[in-house]
């Protein structure tokens, strides 16, 4: 089994189990995922926003 690294990768199995009828708490317990990782939202520093936009525009060319 691959090691799940990113919060997005940790959310997917929990979401699938919840769709099958399990509670979120039970699904997290079975998979071994902390609740804080499900609500985690990555925040980029404000000074990186300009650089990221430039990189996006260059990659779109």
N, C-alpha and C. Protein backbone atom coordinates (compact mmCIF):
# COMPACT_ATOMS: atom_id res chain seq x y z
N UNK A 1 0.84 -1.18 0.00
CA UNK A 1 0.00 0.00 0.00
C UNK A 1 0.88 1.24 0.00
N UNK A 2 0.52 2.22 -0.83
CA UNK A 2 1.28 3.45 -0.91
C UNK A 2 1.03 4.33 0.32
N UNK A 3 2.04 5.07 0.68
CA UNK A 3 1.89 6.02 1.77
C UNK A 3 1.14 7.24 1.26
N UNK A 4 0.07 7.62 1.96
CA UNK A 4 -0.69 8.80 1.59
C UNK A 4 0.00 10.02 2.20
N UNK A 5 0.31 10.99 1.38
CA UNK A 5 1.09 12.12 1.84
C UNK A 5 0.26 13.38 1.99
N UNK A 6 -0.39 13.80 0.95
CA UNK A 6 -1.07 15.09 0.97
C UNK A 6 -2.44 14.97 1.65
N UNK A 7 -2.94 16.09 2.19
CA UNK A 7 -4.27 16.06 2.79
C UNK A 7 -5.35 15.65 1.78
N UNK A 8 -5.16 16.03 0.51
CA UNK A 8 -6.13 15.63 -0.51
C UNK A 8 -6.17 14.11 -0.64
N UNK A 9 -5.00 13.48 -0.59
CA UNK A 9 -4.94 12.02 -0.70
C UNK A 9 -5.53 11.35 0.53
N UNK A 10 -5.51 12.02 1.66
CA UNK A 10 -6.08 11.46 2.87
C UNK A 10 -7.61 11.59 2.88
N UNK A 11 -8.12 12.62 2.22
CA UNK A 11 -9.56 12.86 2.22
C UNK A 11 -10.32 11.86 1.36
N UNK A 12 -9.73 11.44 0.26
CA UNK A 12 -10.44 10.60 -0.71
C UNK A 12 -11.01 9.31 -0.10
N UNK A 13 -10.21 8.51 0.61
CA UNK A 13 -10.78 7.28 1.17
C UNK A 13 -11.87 7.54 2.20
N UNK A 14 -11.74 8.60 2.96
CA UNK A 14 -12.77 8.94 3.95
C UNK A 14 -14.06 9.32 3.24
N UNK A 15 -13.95 10.12 2.18
CA UNK A 15 -15.14 10.51 1.42
C UNK A 15 -15.83 9.30 0.81
N UNK A 16 -15.04 8.36 0.29
CA UNK A 16 -15.63 7.15 -0.30
C UNK A 16 -16.37 6.33 0.75
N UNK A 17 -15.79 6.19 1.94
CA UNK A 17 -16.45 5.44 3.00
C UNK A 17 -17.72 6.14 3.47
N UNK A 18 -17.69 7.46 3.50
CA UNK A 18 -18.88 8.21 3.90
C UNK A 18 -19.99 8.05 2.88
N UNK A 19 -19.64 7.96 1.61
CA UNK A 19 -20.65 7.74 0.57
C UNK A 19 -21.27 6.36 0.69
N UNK A 20 -20.53 5.42 1.26
CA UNK A 20 -21.04 4.06 1.45
C UNK A 20 -21.89 3.92 2.70
N UNK A 21 -22.00 5.03 3.48
CA UNK A 21 -22.89 5.00 4.63
C UNK A 21 -22.21 5.09 5.98
N UNK A 22 -20.90 5.09 6.02
CA UNK A 22 -20.20 5.22 7.30
C UNK A 22 -20.19 6.68 7.73
N UNK A 23 -20.15 6.89 9.04
CA UNK A 23 -19.98 8.26 9.52
C UNK A 23 -18.55 8.69 9.26
N UNK A 24 -18.35 9.99 9.21
CA UNK A 24 -17.00 10.50 8.97
C UNK A 24 -16.07 10.09 10.10
N UNK A 25 -16.57 10.12 11.30
CA UNK A 25 -15.74 9.74 12.45
C UNK A 25 -15.31 8.28 12.37
N UNK A 26 -16.23 7.41 12.00
CA UNK A 26 -15.92 5.98 11.89
C UNK A 26 -14.95 5.73 10.73
N UNK A 27 -15.17 6.40 9.61
CA UNK A 27 -14.30 6.24 8.45
C UNK A 27 -12.89 6.69 8.77
N UNK A 28 -12.76 7.82 9.48
CA UNK A 28 -11.42 8.29 9.87
C UNK A 28 -10.74 7.30 10.79
N UNK A 29 -11.50 6.71 11.70
CA UNK A 29 -10.92 5.74 12.63
C UNK A 29 -10.43 4.49 11.93
N UNK A 30 -11.18 4.02 10.96
CA UNK A 30 -10.79 2.81 10.23
C UNK A 30 -9.55 3.04 9.38
N UNK A 31 -9.47 4.22 8.77
CA UNK A 31 -8.37 4.53 7.88
C UNK A 31 -7.17 5.06 8.64
N UNK A 32 -7.41 5.65 9.80
CA UNK A 32 -6.32 6.20 10.60
C UNK A 32 -5.96 7.62 10.20
N UNK A 33 -6.97 8.41 9.89
CA UNK A 33 -6.76 9.79 9.47
C UNK A 33 -7.24 10.72 10.57
N UNK A 34 -6.46 11.72 10.89
CA UNK A 34 -6.86 12.70 11.90
C UNK A 34 -7.92 13.64 11.33
N UNK A 35 -8.81 14.09 12.17
CA UNK A 35 -9.86 15.00 11.74
C UNK A 35 -9.33 16.32 11.24
N UNK A 36 -8.22 16.75 11.81
CA UNK A 36 -7.65 18.03 11.39
C UNK A 36 -7.16 17.99 9.95
N UNK A 37 -6.76 16.82 9.48
CA UNK A 37 -6.28 16.74 8.10
C UNK A 37 -7.43 16.86 7.10
N UNK A 38 -8.66 16.58 7.53
CA UNK A 38 -9.80 16.71 6.63
C UNK A 38 -10.21 18.16 6.44
N UNK A 39 -9.98 18.97 7.44
CA UNK A 39 -10.38 20.37 7.33
C UNK A 39 -9.22 21.29 6.99
N UNK A 40 -8.05 20.72 6.73
CA UNK A 40 -6.86 21.51 6.44
C UNK A 40 -7.00 22.21 5.10
N UNK A 41 -6.70 23.51 5.08
CA UNK A 41 -6.70 24.29 3.85
C UNK A 41 -5.33 24.94 3.74
N UNK A 42 -4.63 24.63 2.65
CA UNK A 42 -3.29 25.17 2.46
C UNK A 42 -3.37 26.67 2.18
N UNK A 43 -2.53 27.43 2.86
CA UNK A 43 -2.50 28.87 2.66
C UNK A 43 -1.12 29.26 2.15
N UNK A 44 -1.10 29.88 0.98
CA UNK A 44 0.15 30.33 0.41
C UNK A 44 0.50 31.71 0.95
N UNK A 45 1.76 31.96 1.17
CA UNK A 45 2.16 33.30 1.59
C UNK A 45 1.77 34.33 0.52
N UNK A 46 1.40 35.52 0.96
CA UNK A 46 0.93 36.56 0.03
C UNK A 46 2.01 36.96 -0.96
N UNK A 47 3.27 36.93 -0.55
CA UNK A 47 4.33 37.35 -1.46
C UNK A 47 4.59 36.33 -2.57
N UNK A 48 4.11 35.11 -2.41
CA UNK A 48 4.27 34.09 -3.45
C UNK A 48 3.17 34.16 -4.50
N UNK A 49 2.10 34.87 -4.23
CA UNK A 49 0.96 34.90 -5.14
C UNK A 49 1.35 35.46 -6.50
N UNK A 50 2.16 36.48 -6.53
CA UNK A 50 2.58 37.10 -7.80
C UNK A 50 3.42 36.12 -8.60
N UNK A 51 4.34 35.46 -7.93
CA UNK A 51 5.22 34.49 -8.60
C UNK A 51 4.40 33.34 -9.17
N UNK A 52 3.43 32.87 -8.42
CA UNK A 52 2.60 31.75 -8.87
C UNK A 52 1.78 32.16 -10.10
N UNK A 53 1.23 33.36 -10.10
CA UNK A 53 0.47 33.82 -11.26
C UNK A 53 1.34 33.93 -12.51
N UNK A 54 2.58 34.42 -12.35
CA UNK A 54 3.49 34.50 -13.48
C UNK A 54 3.81 33.12 -14.00
N UNK A 55 4.07 32.18 -13.10
CA UNK A 55 4.38 30.81 -13.51
C UNK A 55 3.19 30.18 -14.24
N UNK A 56 1.97 30.45 -13.77
CA UNK A 56 0.78 29.91 -14.44
C UNK A 56 0.63 30.48 -15.84
N UNK A 57 0.87 31.77 -15.98
CA UNK A 57 0.73 32.37 -17.30
C UNK A 57 1.82 31.86 -18.26
N UNK A 58 3.02 31.64 -17.75
CA UNK A 58 4.09 31.11 -18.60
C UNK A 58 3.81 29.66 -18.99
N UNK A 59 3.25 28.90 -18.10
CA UNK A 59 2.98 27.49 -18.42
C UNK A 59 1.82 27.34 -19.39
N UNK A 60 0.94 28.34 -19.44
CA UNK A 60 -0.19 28.28 -20.34
C UNK A 60 0.18 28.59 -21.79
N UNK A 61 1.38 29.13 -21.99
CA UNK A 61 1.79 29.51 -23.34
C UNK A 61 2.14 28.32 -24.18
